[in-house]
Amino acid sequence: MVVDFYTKTNCELCDEARIILEMVQQQYGFQLREHDIYEGSDQMFETYHLIIPAIQVDGELVAYGNIDLETVELYFKSEKNRK
């Protein structure tokens, strides 16, 4: 599974979300791809600039903004049960 993490530099919420993703990654073993919205396409910037940090899995927006551990863990637990 690949998790896309949309972020920007000098973003405290992004730093906190990154820590949460790294913690959850240890348990669920997904590949994490980080995208800086200022280094990506104009479309990426337009899509995510108001909601970063944002976590997306298989095109599904999982969490954004003030991301908490409980929400992210709940998604991966339910995703694991679907397989």
N, C-alpha and C. Protein backbone atom coordinates (compact mmCIF):
# COMPACT_ATOMS: atom_id res chain seq x y z
N MET A 1 0.85 -1.17 0.00
CA MET A 1 0.00 0.00 0.00
C MET A 1 0.90 1.24 0.00
N VAL A 2 0.50 2.23 -0.78
CA VAL A 2 1.23 3.48 -0.87
C VAL A 2 0.38 4.59 -0.27
N VAL A 3 0.98 5.35 0.62
CA VAL A 3 0.31 6.48 1.27
C VAL A 3 0.97 7.76 0.76
N ASP A 4 0.16 8.66 0.22
CA ASP A 4 0.66 9.95 -0.23
C ASP A 4 0.39 11.00 0.84
N PHE A 5 1.45 11.70 1.20
CA PHE A 5 1.38 12.70 2.26
C PHE A 5 1.71 14.06 1.64
N TYR A 6 0.74 14.97 1.64
CA TYR A 6 0.91 16.29 1.04
C TYR A 6 1.23 17.28 2.15
N THR A 7 2.30 18.05 1.94
CA THR A 7 2.86 18.88 2.98
C THR A 7 3.52 20.11 2.38
N LYS A 8 4.12 20.93 3.23
CA LYS A 8 4.97 22.04 2.80
C LYS A 8 6.01 22.27 3.90
N THR A 9 7.06 23.00 3.56
CA THR A 9 8.10 23.27 4.55
C THR A 9 7.60 24.29 5.57
N ASN A 10 8.22 24.25 6.74
CA ASN A 10 7.89 25.16 7.84
C ASN A 10 6.41 25.10 8.23
N CYS A 11 5.91 23.89 8.38
CA CYS A 11 4.50 23.66 8.73
C CYS A 11 4.46 22.76 9.96
N GLU A 12 4.09 23.32 11.10
CA GLU A 12 4.04 22.54 12.34
C GLU A 12 3.04 21.41 12.27
N LEU A 13 1.88 21.66 11.70
CA LEU A 13 0.88 20.60 11.57
C LEU A 13 1.42 19.45 10.71
N CYS A 14 2.18 19.80 9.67
CA CYS A 14 2.78 18.78 8.80
C CYS A 14 3.80 17.95 9.57
N ASP A 15 4.61 18.61 10.39
CA ASP A 15 5.61 17.90 11.19
C ASP A 15 4.93 16.92 12.15
N GLU A 16 3.86 17.36 12.78
CA GLU A 16 3.12 16.49 13.71
C GLU A 16 2.49 15.32 12.96
N ALA A 17 1.92 15.59 11.80
CA ALA A 17 1.30 14.52 11.01
C ALA A 17 2.34 13.51 10.53
N ARG A 18 3.53 13.99 10.17
CA ARG A 18 4.61 13.10 9.73
C ARG A 18 4.98 12.12 10.85
N ILE A 19 5.07 12.61 12.07
CA ILE A 19 5.38 11.75 13.22
C ILE A 19 4.30 10.68 13.38
N ILE A 20 3.05 11.08 13.27
CA ILE A 20 1.93 10.13 13.38
C ILE A 20 2.02 9.08 12.27
N LEU A 21 2.27 9.51 11.04
CA LEU A 21 2.37 8.57 9.93
C LEU A 21 3.53 7.59 10.13
N GLU A 22 4.65 8.08 10.61
CA GLU A 22 5.79 7.20 10.85
C GLU A 22 5.49 6.17 11.93
N MET A 23 4.74 6.58 12.95
CA MET A 23 4.35 5.64 14.01
C MET A 23 3.43 4.55 13.45
N VAL A 24 2.44 4.96 12.68
CA VAL A 24 1.48 4.02 12.11
C VAL A 24 2.15 3.15 11.05
N GLN A 25 3.10 3.71 10.33
CA GLN A 25 3.82 2.97 9.29
C GLN A 25 4.56 1.77 9.90
N GLN A 26 5.09 1.92 11.08
CA GLN A 26 5.79 0.81 11.74
C GLN A 26 4.85 -0.37 11.97
N GLN A 27 3.60 -0.08 12.26
CA GLN A 27 2.62 -1.13 12.54
C GLN A 27 2.03 -1.73 11.27
N TYR A 28 1.79 -0.91 10.24
CA TYR A 28 1.07 -1.39 9.06
C TYR A 28 1.95 -1.54 7.82
N GLY A 29 3.18 -1.08 7.87
CA GLY A 29 4.16 -1.34 6.83
C GLY A 29 3.83 -0.82 5.45
N PHE A 30 3.29 0.37 5.32
CA PHE A 30 2.99 0.93 4.02
C PHE A 30 4.18 1.76 3.52
N GLN A 31 4.17 2.05 2.23
CA GLN A 31 5.17 2.92 1.63
C GLN A 31 4.66 4.35 1.73
N LEU A 32 5.49 5.25 2.23
CA LEU A 32 5.09 6.64 2.41
C LEU A 32 5.78 7.51 1.35
N ARG A 33 4.95 8.22 0.57
CA ARG A 33 5.48 9.18 -0.41
C ARG A 33 5.08 10.57 0.03
N GLU A 34 6.08 11.42 0.25
CA GLU A 34 5.81 12.77 0.70
C GLU A 34 5.91 13.74 -0.48
N HIS A 35 4.94 14.64 -0.58
CA HIS A 35 4.88 15.61 -1.67
C HIS A 35 4.81 17.02 -1.09
N ASP A 36 5.77 17.85 -1.42
CA ASP A 36 5.74 19.26 -1.04
C ASP A 36 4.90 19.97 -2.11
N ILE A 37 3.80 20.57 -1.69
CA ILE A 37 2.89 21.16 -2.67
C ILE A 37 3.50 22.33 -3.43
N TYR A 38 4.57 22.93 -2.90
CA TYR A 38 5.24 24.02 -3.60
C TYR A 38 6.23 23.51 -4.64
N GLU A 39 6.56 22.25 -4.58
CA GLU A 39 7.49 21.66 -5.54
C GLU A 39 6.78 20.81 -6.59
N GLY A 40 5.50 20.62 -6.44
CA GLY A 40 4.72 19.80 -7.37
C GLY A 40 4.06 20.63 -8.45
N SER A 41 3.08 20.04 -9.07
CA SER A 41 2.37 20.71 -10.16
C SER A 41 1.43 21.79 -9.63
N ASP A 42 1.00 22.65 -10.54
CA ASP A 42 0.02 23.67 -10.17
C ASP A 42 -1.27 23.03 -9.67
N GLN A 43 -1.65 21.91 -10.29
CA GLN A 43 -2.86 21.21 -9.87
C GLN A 43 -2.73 20.68 -8.44
N MET A 44 -1.55 20.15 -8.10
CA MET A 44 -1.33 19.67 -6.73
C MET A 44 -1.48 20.82 -5.75
N PHE A 45 -0.89 21.95 -6.07
CA PHE A 45 -0.99 23.12 -5.20
C PHE A 45 -2.44 23.54 -5.03
N GLU A 46 -3.16 23.66 -6.13
CA GLU A 46 -4.56 24.08 -6.08
C GLU A 46 -5.42 23.11 -5.26
N THR A 47 -5.14 21.83 -5.38
CA THR A 47 -5.93 20.81 -4.68
C THR A 47 -5.68 20.82 -3.18
N TYR A 48 -4.44 20.99 -2.76
CA TYR A 48 -4.08 20.75 -1.37
C TYR A 48 -3.69 21.98 -0.55
N HIS A 49 -3.52 23.14 -1.16
CA HIS A 49 -2.96 24.27 -0.41
C HIS A 49 -3.83 24.72 0.77
N LEU A 50 -5.10 24.49 0.73
CA LEU A 50 -5.97 24.91 1.85
C LEU A 50 -6.19 23.81 2.89
N ILE A 51 -5.73 22.60 2.60
CA ILE A 51 -6.04 21.50 3.53
C ILE A 51 -4.80 20.77 4.05
N ILE A 52 -3.59 21.26 3.74
CA ILE A 52 -2.41 20.53 4.19
C ILE A 52 -2.26 20.63 5.70
N PRO A 53 -1.68 19.64 6.30
CA PRO A 53 -1.24 18.39 5.71
C PRO A 53 -2.44 17.54 5.29
N ALA A 54 -2.20 16.68 4.31
CA ALA A 54 -3.26 15.79 3.84
C ALA A 54 -2.68 14.41 3.58
N ILE A 55 -3.45 13.39 3.93
CA ILE A 55 -3.07 12.00 3.73
C ILE A 55 -4.06 11.38 2.77
N GLN A 56 -3.53 10.76 1.73
CA GLN A 56 -4.38 10.14 0.72
C GLN A 56 -3.89 8.71 0.45
N VAL A 57 -4.84 7.79 0.35
CA VAL A 57 -4.53 6.39 0.05
C VAL A 57 -5.43 5.96 -1.11
N ASP A 58 -4.81 5.50 -2.18
CA ASP A 58 -5.56 5.02 -3.36
C ASP A 58 -6.62 6.02 -3.81
N GLY A 59 -6.25 7.30 -3.83
CA GLY A 59 -7.17 8.33 -4.29
C GLY A 59 -8.19 8.77 -3.27
N GLU A 60 -8.19 8.16 -2.10
CA GLU A 60 -9.14 8.51 -1.04
C GLU A 60 -8.47 9.41 -0.02
N LEU A 61 -9.06 10.57 0.24
CA LEU A 61 -8.55 11.49 1.25
C LEU A 61 -8.89 10.92 2.62
N VAL A 62 -7.86 10.55 3.36
CA VAL A 62 -8.04 9.87 4.65
C VAL A 62 -8.15 10.87 5.79
N ALA A 63 -7.29 11.88 5.78
CA ALA A 63 -7.28 12.88 6.85
C ALA A 63 -6.58 14.13 6.32
N TYR A 64 -6.93 15.28 6.90
CA TYR A 64 -6.25 16.52 6.52
C TYR A 64 -6.38 17.53 7.63
N GLY A 65 -5.54 18.55 7.55
CA GLY A 65 -5.58 19.60 8.56
C GLY A 65 -4.93 19.15 9.85
N ASN A 66 -5.65 19.26 10.93
CA ASN A 66 -5.15 18.86 12.24
C ASN A 66 -5.33 17.34 12.38
N ILE A 67 -4.33 16.59 11.95
CA ILE A 67 -4.41 15.13 11.89
C ILE A 67 -4.08 14.53 13.24
N ASP A 68 -4.91 13.58 13.67
CA ASP A 68 -4.68 12.93 14.96
C ASP A 68 -4.44 11.43 14.78
N LEU A 69 -3.73 10.87 15.73
CA LEU A 69 -3.34 9.46 15.68
C LEU A 69 -4.56 8.54 15.61
N GLU A 70 -5.59 8.83 16.37
CA GLU A 70 -6.78 7.97 16.42
C GLU A 70 -7.44 7.82 15.04
N THR A 71 -7.57 8.92 14.32
CA THR A 71 -8.20 8.89 12.99
C THR A 71 -7.38 8.06 12.01
N VAL A 72 -6.08 8.26 12.03
CA VAL A 72 -5.20 7.55 11.10
C VAL A 72 -5.17 6.05 11.43
N GLU A 73 -5.04 5.72 12.71
CA GLU A 73 -5.04 4.31 13.11
C GLU A 73 -6.36 3.63 12.75
N LEU A 74 -7.46 4.32 12.98
CA LEU A 74 -8.77 3.76 12.66
C LEU A 74 -8.88 3.45 11.17
N TYR A 75 -8.38 4.32 10.32
CA TYR A 75 -8.42 4.06 8.88
C TYR A 75 -7.64 2.80 8.55
N PHE A 76 -6.43 2.68 9.04
CA PHE A 76 -5.61 1.53 8.69
C PHE A 76 -6.13 0.23 9.30
N LYS A 77 -6.72 0.30 10.46
CA LYS A 77 -7.34 -0.90 11.04
C LYS A 77 -8.51 -1.35 10.18
N SER A 78 -9.35 -0.42 9.75
CA SER A 78 -10.50 -0.79 8.93
C SER A 78 -10.04 -1.24 7.54
N GLU A 79 -9.01 -0.64 6.99
CA GLU A 79 -8.47 -1.02 5.69
C GLU A 79 -7.91 -2.45 5.76
N LYS A 80 -7.24 -2.76 6.83
CA LYS A 80 -6.68 -4.10 7.00
C LYS A 80 -7.79 -5.15 7.07
N ASN A 81 -8.91 -4.81 7.71
CA ASN A 81 -10.03 -5.74 7.85
C ASN A 81 -10.76 -5.95 6.54
N ARG A 82 -10.66 -5.01 5.60
CA ARG A 82 -11.31 -5.15 4.30
C ARG A 82 -10.57 -6.11 3.37
N LYS A 83 -9.33 -6.40 3.69
CA LYS A 83 -8.52 -7.24 2.80
C LYS A 83 -8.53 -8.68 3.22
